[in-house]
Amino acid sequence: MRFLERLDEAKSEYEGIKRRMMRMDTGALR
């Protein structure tokens, strides 16, 4: 069960990174 906890943690971390990347991309485009 601890594996699922870590998976959820990693997923939320990945989402945050993806959001940051998207923001950086839009900032670089303009």
PDB file of N, CA and C in Angstrom:
ATOM      1  N   MET A   1       0.824  -1.215   0.000  1.00  0.00           N
ATOM      2  CA  MET A   1       0.000   0.000   0.000  1.00  0.00           C
ATOM      3  C   MET A   1       0.860   1.268   0.000  1.00  0.00           C
ATOM      4  N   ARG A   2       2.046   1.166   0.560  1.00  0.00           N
ATOM      5  CA  ARG A   2       2.917   2.340   0.588  1.00  0.00           C
ATOM      6  C   ARG A   2       3.341   2.729  -0.826  1.00  0.00           C
ATOM      7  N   PHE A   3       3.375   1.730  -1.699  1.00  0.00           N
ATOM      8  CA  PHE A   3       3.746   2.006  -3.090  1.00  0.00           C
ATOM      9  C   PHE A   3       2.738   2.974  -3.726  1.00  0.00           C
ATOM     10  N   LEU A   4       1.453   2.748  -3.463  1.00  0.00           N
ATOM     11  CA  LEU A   4       0.416   3.618  -4.024  1.00  0.00           C
ATOM     12  C   LEU A   4       0.564   5.041  -3.509  1.00  0.00           C
ATOM     13  N   GLU A   5       0.919   5.163  -2.230  1.00  0.00           N
ATOM     14  CA  GLU A   5       1.125   6.500  -1.646  1.00  0.00           C
ATOM     15  C   GLU A   5       2.239   7.223  -2.387  1.00  0.00           C
ATOM     16  N   ARG A   6       3.339   6.501  -2.615  1.00  0.00           N
ATOM     17  CA  ARG A   6       4.487   7.108  -3.295  1.00  0.00           C
ATOM     18  C   ARG A   6       4.130   7.438  -4.742  1.00  0.00           C
ATOM     19  N   LEU A   7       3.323   6.581  -5.367  1.00  0.00           N
ATOM     20  CA  LEU A   7       2.910   6.814  -6.748  1.00  0.00           C
ATOM     21  C   LEU A   7       2.088   8.092  -6.843  1.00  0.00           C
ATOM     22  N   ASP A   8       1.171   8.279  -5.911  1.00  0.00           N
ATOM     23  CA  ASP A   8       0.328   9.475  -5.896  1.00  0.00           C
ATOM     24  C   ASP A   8       1.183  10.718  -5.681  1.00  0.00           C
ATOM     25  N   GLU A   9       2.172  10.598  -4.801  1.00  0.00           N
ATOM     26  CA  GLU A   9       3.082  11.702  -4.510  1.00  0.00           C
ATOM     27  C   GLU A   9       3.847  12.089  -5.769  1.00  0.00           C
ATOM     28  N   ALA A  10       4.378  11.075  -6.449  1.00  0.00           N
ATOM     29  CA  ALA A  10       5.147  11.322  -7.671  1.00  0.00           C
ATOM     30  C   ALA A  10       4.263  11.937  -8.748  1.00  0.00           C
ATOM     31  N   LYS A  11       3.004  11.487  -8.816  1.00  0.00           N
ATOM     32  CA  LYS A  11       2.086  12.000  -9.828  1.00  0.00           C
ATOM     33  C   LYS A  11       1.806  13.485  -9.606  1.00  0.00           C
ATOM     34  N   SER A  12       1.567  13.860  -8.359  1.00  0.00           N
ATOM     35  CA  SER A  12       1.280  15.263  -8.060  1.00  0.00           C
ATOM     36  C   SER A  12       2.522  16.119  -8.347  1.00  0.00           C
ATOM     37  N   GLU A  13       3.706  15.562  -8.052  1.00  0.00           N
ATOM     38  CA  GLU A  13       4.960  16.276  -8.314  1.00  0.00           C
ATOM     39  C   GLU A  13       5.121  16.473  -9.811  1.00  0.00           C
ATOM     40  N   TYR A  14       4.805  15.418 -10.591  1.00  0.00           N
ATOM     41  CA  TYR A  14       4.896  15.477 -12.050  1.00  0.00           C
ATOM     42  C   TYR A  14       3.936  16.524 -12.601  1.00  0.00           C
ATOM     43  N   GLU A  15       2.735  16.574 -12.042  1.00  0.00           N
ATOM     44  CA  GLU A  15       1.741  17.553 -12.492  1.00  0.00           C
ATOM     45  C   GLU A  15       2.262  18.976 -12.274  1.00  0.00           C
ATOM     46  N   GLY A  16       2.884  19.191 -11.116  1.00  0.00           N
ATOM     47  CA  GLY A  16       3.424  20.514 -10.809  1.00  0.00           C
ATOM     48  C   GLY A  16       4.523  20.904 -11.779  1.00  0.00           C
ATOM     49  N   ILE A  17       5.395  19.946 -12.098  1.00  0.00           N
ATOM     50  CA  ILE A  17       6.491  20.203 -13.036  1.00  0.00           C
ATOM     51  C   ILE A  17       5.927  20.507 -14.421  1.00  0.00           C
ATOM     52  N   LYS A  18       4.929  19.715 -14.835  1.00  0.00           N
ATOM     53  CA  LYS A  18       4.334  19.903 -16.155  1.00  0.00           C
ATOM     54  C   LYS A  18       3.711  21.288 -16.269  1.00  0.00           C
ATOM     55  N   ARG A  19       3.009  21.695 -15.197  1.00  0.00           N
ATOM     56  CA  ARG A  19       2.364  23.014 -15.189  1.00  0.00           C
ATOM     57  C   ARG A  19       3.412  24.112 -15.297  1.00  0.00           C
ATOM     58  N   ARG A  20       4.535  23.932 -14.569  1.00  0.00           N
ATOM     59  CA  ARG A  20       5.616  24.921 -14.575  1.00  0.00           C
ATOM     60  C   ARG A  20       6.236  25.004 -15.975  1.00  0.00           C
ATOM     61  N   MET A  21       6.403  23.834 -16.606  1.00  0.00           N
ATOM     62  CA  MET A  21       6.986  23.788 -17.948  1.00  0.00           C
ATOM     63  C   MET A  21       6.083  24.529 -18.937  1.00  0.00           C
ATOM     64  N   MET A  22       4.772  24.277 -18.834  1.00  0.00           N
ATOM     65  CA  MET A  22       3.821  24.932 -19.729  1.00  0.00           C
ATOM     66  C   MET A  22       3.881  26.444 -19.559  1.00  0.00           C
ATOM     67  N   ARG A  23       3.967  26.891 -18.326  1.00  0.00           N
ATOM     68  CA  ARG A  23       4.039  28.324 -18.046  1.00  0.00           C
ATOM     69  C   ARG A  23       5.323  28.907 -18.639  1.00  0.00           C
ATOM     70  N   MET A  24       6.427  28.169 -18.504  1.00  0.00           N
ATOM     71  CA  MET A  24       7.707  28.618 -19.063  1.00  0.00           C
ATOM     72  C   MET A  24       7.620  28.690 -20.585  1.00  0.00           C
ATOM     73  N   ASP A  25       6.970  27.683 -21.200  1.00  0.00           N
ATOM     74  CA  ASP A  25       6.829  27.650 -22.652  1.00  0.00           C
ATOM     75  C   ASP A  25       6.064  28.871 -23.155  1.00  0.00           C
ATOM     76  N   THR A  26       4.937  29.163 -22.527  1.00  0.00           N
ATOM     77  CA  THR A  26       4.124  30.292 -22.960  1.00  0.00           C
ATOM     78  C   THR A  26       4.900  31.594 -22.746  1.00  0.00           C
ATOM     79  N   GLY A  27       5.695  31.653 -21.685  1.00  0.00           N
ATOM     80  CA  GLY A  27       6.488  32.853 -21.415  1.00  0.00           C
ATOM     81  C   GLY A  27       7.579  33.028 -22.456  1.00  0.00           C
ATOM     82  N   ALA A  28       8.161  31.920 -22.920  1.00  0.00           N
ATOM     83  CA  ALA A  28       9.243  31.982 -23.903  1.00  0.00           C
ATOM     84  C   ALA A  28       8.695  32.321 -25.291  1.00  0.00           C
ATOM     85  N   LEU A  29       7.469  31.855 -25.574  1.00  0.00           N
ATOM     86  CA  LEU A  29       6.881  32.099 -26.900  1.00  0.00           C
ATOM     87  C   LEU A  29       6.616  33.583 -27.139  1.00  0.00           C
ATOM     88  N   ARG A  30       6.189  34.272 -26.094  1.00  0.00           N
ATOM     89  CA  ARG A  30       5.850  35.681 -26.282  1.00  0.00           C
ATOM     90  C   ARG A  30       7.078  36.585 -26.145  1.00  0.00           C
TER      91      ARG A  30
END
